[in-house]
């Protein structure tokens, strides 16, 4: 399959949990490899992070949410402008 990039995939895998009564997630590396292979074949740009702290996870996800909200607001504004132009012209 060939084609242009379809988007970005943010993949975060935490498989080590220091300071908690939890064991490492054996096999997580296999899951990561399979997911990355699948999305690369689907022409996504894969951004991978491993064992981030809770603070970094929260900050990274907050940035993603803000970007999504901005995109949605821009799309809504464009749709409203198009509707207003169509109504005024007709």
C-alpha atoms as a PDB file:
ATOM      1  CA  UNK A   1       0.000   0.000   0.000  1.00  0.00           C
ATOM      2  CA  UNK A   2       1.339   3.430  -0.911  1.00  0.00           C
ATOM      3  CA  UNK A   3       0.047   6.889  -0.123  1.00  0.00           C
ATOM      4  CA  UNK A   4       0.449  10.082   1.807  1.00  0.00           C
ATOM      5  CA  UNK A   5       0.561  10.294   5.574  1.00  0.00           C
ATOM      6  CA  UNK A   6      -2.953   9.919   7.000  1.00  0.00           C
ATOM      7  CA  UNK A   7      -2.206  11.426  10.386  1.00  0.00           C
ATOM      8  CA  UNK A   8      -0.298  10.877  13.583  1.00  0.00           C
ATOM      9  CA  UNK A   9      -0.549   8.163  16.191  1.00  0.00           C
ATOM     10  CA  UNK A  10       0.632   8.950  19.696  1.00  0.00           C
ATOM     11  CA  UNK A  11       1.564   5.636  21.326  1.00  0.00           C
ATOM     12  CA  UNK A  12       2.448   5.606  25.024  1.00  0.00           C
ATOM     13  CA  UNK A  13       3.443   2.356  26.684  1.00  0.00           C
ATOM     14  CA  UNK A  14       4.134   2.202  30.394  1.00  0.00           C
ATOM     15  CA  UNK A  15       5.378  -1.265  31.221  1.00  0.00           C
ATOM     16  CA  UNK A  16       7.446  -0.521  34.343  1.00  0.00           C
ATOM     17  CA  UNK A  17       5.843   0.785  37.508  1.00  0.00           C
ATOM     18  CA  UNK A  18       8.452   1.936  40.033  1.00  0.00           C
ATOM     19  CA  UNK A  19       7.364   2.481  43.600  1.00  0.00           C
ATOM     20  CA  UNK A  20       4.152   0.522  43.149  1.00  0.00           C
ATOM     21  CA  UNK A  21       3.262  -3.023  44.019  1.00  0.00           C
ATOM     22  CA  UNK A  22       2.923  -3.956  40.357  1.00  0.00           C
ATOM     23  CA  UNK A  23       5.103  -6.156  38.192  1.00  0.00           C
ATOM     24  CA  UNK A  24       6.441  -5.205  34.762  1.00  0.00           C
ATOM     25  CA  UNK A  25       4.113  -5.895  31.838  1.00  0.00           C
ATOM     26  CA  UNK A  26       5.838  -8.756  30.037  1.00  0.00           C
ATOM     27  CA  UNK A  27       5.007  -8.814  26.335  1.00  0.00           C
ATOM     28  CA  UNK A  28       4.245  -5.093  26.101  1.00  0.00           C
ATOM     29  CA  UNK A  29       7.145  -4.720  23.665  1.00  0.00           C
ATOM     30  CA  UNK A  30       5.436  -7.190  21.322  1.00  0.00           C
ATOM     31  CA  UNK A  31       2.175  -5.228  21.524  1.00  0.00           C
ATOM     32  CA  UNK A  32       4.039  -1.993  20.756  1.00  0.00           C
ATOM     33  CA  UNK A  33       5.849  -3.528  17.787  1.00  0.00           C
ATOM     34  CA  UNK A  34       2.593  -4.904  16.332  1.00  0.00           C
ATOM     35  CA  UNK A  35       0.698  -1.641  16.791  1.00  0.00           C
ATOM     36  CA  UNK A  36       3.548   0.388  15.263  1.00  0.00           C
ATOM     37  CA  UNK A  37       3.798  -1.976  12.283  1.00  0.00           C
ATOM     38  CA  UNK A  38       0.050  -1.836  11.659  1.00  0.00           C
ATOM     39  CA  UNK A  39      -0.218   1.959  11.775  1.00  0.00           C
ATOM     40  CA  UNK A  40       2.924   2.504   9.718  1.00  0.00           C
ATOM     41  CA  UNK A  41       1.429   0.241   7.033  1.00  0.00           C
ATOM     42  CA  UNK A  42      -1.695   2.408   7.194  1.00  0.00           C
ATOM     43  CA  UNK A  43       0.562   5.436   6.570  1.00  0.00           C
ATOM     44  CA  UNK A  44       0.409   7.033  10.001  1.00  0.00           C
ATOM     45  CA  UNK A  45       3.337   8.885  11.506  1.00  0.00           C
ATOM     46  CA  UNK A  46       3.888   6.984  14.787  1.00  0.00           C
ATOM     47  CA  UNK A  47       5.165   8.934  17.792  1.00  0.00           C
ATOM     48  CA  UNK A  48       6.219   6.491  20.503  1.00  0.00           C
ATOM     49  CA  UNK A  49       7.015   7.125  24.162  1.00  0.00           C
ATOM     50  CA  UNK A  50       7.899   4.530  26.763  1.00  0.00           C
ATOM     51  CA  UNK A  51       7.606   4.639  30.565  1.00  0.00           C
ATOM     52  CA  UNK A  52       6.698   8.287  30.958  1.00  0.00           C
ATOM     53  CA  UNK A  53       6.058   9.727  34.383  1.00  0.00           C
ATOM     54  CA  UNK A  54       2.509  10.629  35.387  1.00  0.00           C
ATOM     55  CA  UNK A  55       3.377  14.326  35.069  1.00  0.00           C
ATOM     56  CA  UNK A  56       4.695  13.933  31.522  1.00  0.00           C
ATOM     57  CA  UNK A  57       1.719  11.745  30.542  1.00  0.00           C
ATOM     58  CA  UNK A  58      -0.702  14.356  31.847  1.00  0.00           C
ATOM     59  CA  UNK A  59       1.117  17.218  30.122  1.00  0.00           C
ATOM     60  CA  UNK A  60       1.341  15.389  26.809  1.00  0.00           C
ATOM     61  CA  UNK A  61      -2.317  14.416  26.839  1.00  0.00           C
ATOM     62  CA  UNK A  62      -3.315  17.962  27.790  1.00  0.00           C
ATOM     63  CA  UNK A  63      -1.488  19.278  24.716  1.00  0.00           C
ATOM     64  CA  UNK A  64      -3.313  16.745  22.531  1.00  0.00           C
ATOM     65  CA  UNK A  65      -6.688  17.766  23.983  1.00  0.00           C
ATOM     66  CA  UNK A  66      -5.964  21.469  23.439  1.00  0.00           C
ATOM     67  CA  UNK A  67      -4.974  20.851  19.816  1.00  0.00           C
ATOM     68  CA  UNK A  68      -8.140  18.840  19.182  1.00  0.00           C
ATOM     69  CA  UNK A  69     -10.319  21.548  20.750  1.00  0.00           C
ATOM     70  CA  UNK A  70      -8.659  24.254  18.629  1.00  0.00           C
ATOM     71  CA  UNK A  71      -9.200  22.224  15.454  1.00  0.00           C
ATOM     72  CA  UNK A  72     -12.864  21.657  16.318  1.00  0.00           C
ATOM     73  CA  UNK A  73     -13.392  25.371  17.019  1.00  0.00           C
ATOM     74  CA  UNK A  74     -11.767  26.324  13.701  1.00  0.00           C
ATOM     75  CA  UNK A  75     -13.958  23.847  11.808  1.00  0.00           C
ATOM     76  CA  UNK A  76     -17.107  25.166  13.510  1.00  0.00           C
ATOM     77  CA  UNK A  77     -16.160  28.774  12.701  1.00  0.00           C
ATOM     78  CA  UNK A  78     -15.530  27.887   9.044  1.00  0.00           C
ATOM     79  CA  UNK A  79     -18.886  26.096   8.801  1.00  0.00           C
ATOM     80  CA  UNK A  80     -20.700  29.057  10.370  1.00  0.00           C
ATOM     81  CA  UNK A  81     -19.009  31.488   7.992  1.00  0.00           C
ATOM     82  CA  UNK A  82     -19.931  29.347   4.970  1.00  0.00           C
ATOM     83  CA  UNK A  83     -23.547  29.098   6.127  1.00  0.00           C
ATOM     84  CA  UNK A  84     -23.749  32.872   6.678  1.00  0.00           C
ATOM     85  CA  UNK A  85     -22.251  33.554   3.231  1.00  0.00           C
ATOM     86  CA  UNK A  86     -24.688  31.136   1.567  1.00  0.00           C
ATOM     87  CA  UNK A  87     -27.661  32.690   3.385  1.00  0.00           C
ATOM     88  CA  UNK A  88     -26.593  36.236   2.529  1.00  0.00           C
ATOM     89  CA  UNK A  89     -25.898  35.410  -1.130  1.00  0.00           C
ATOM     90  CA  UNK A  90     -29.139  33.479  -1.634  1.00  0.00           C
END
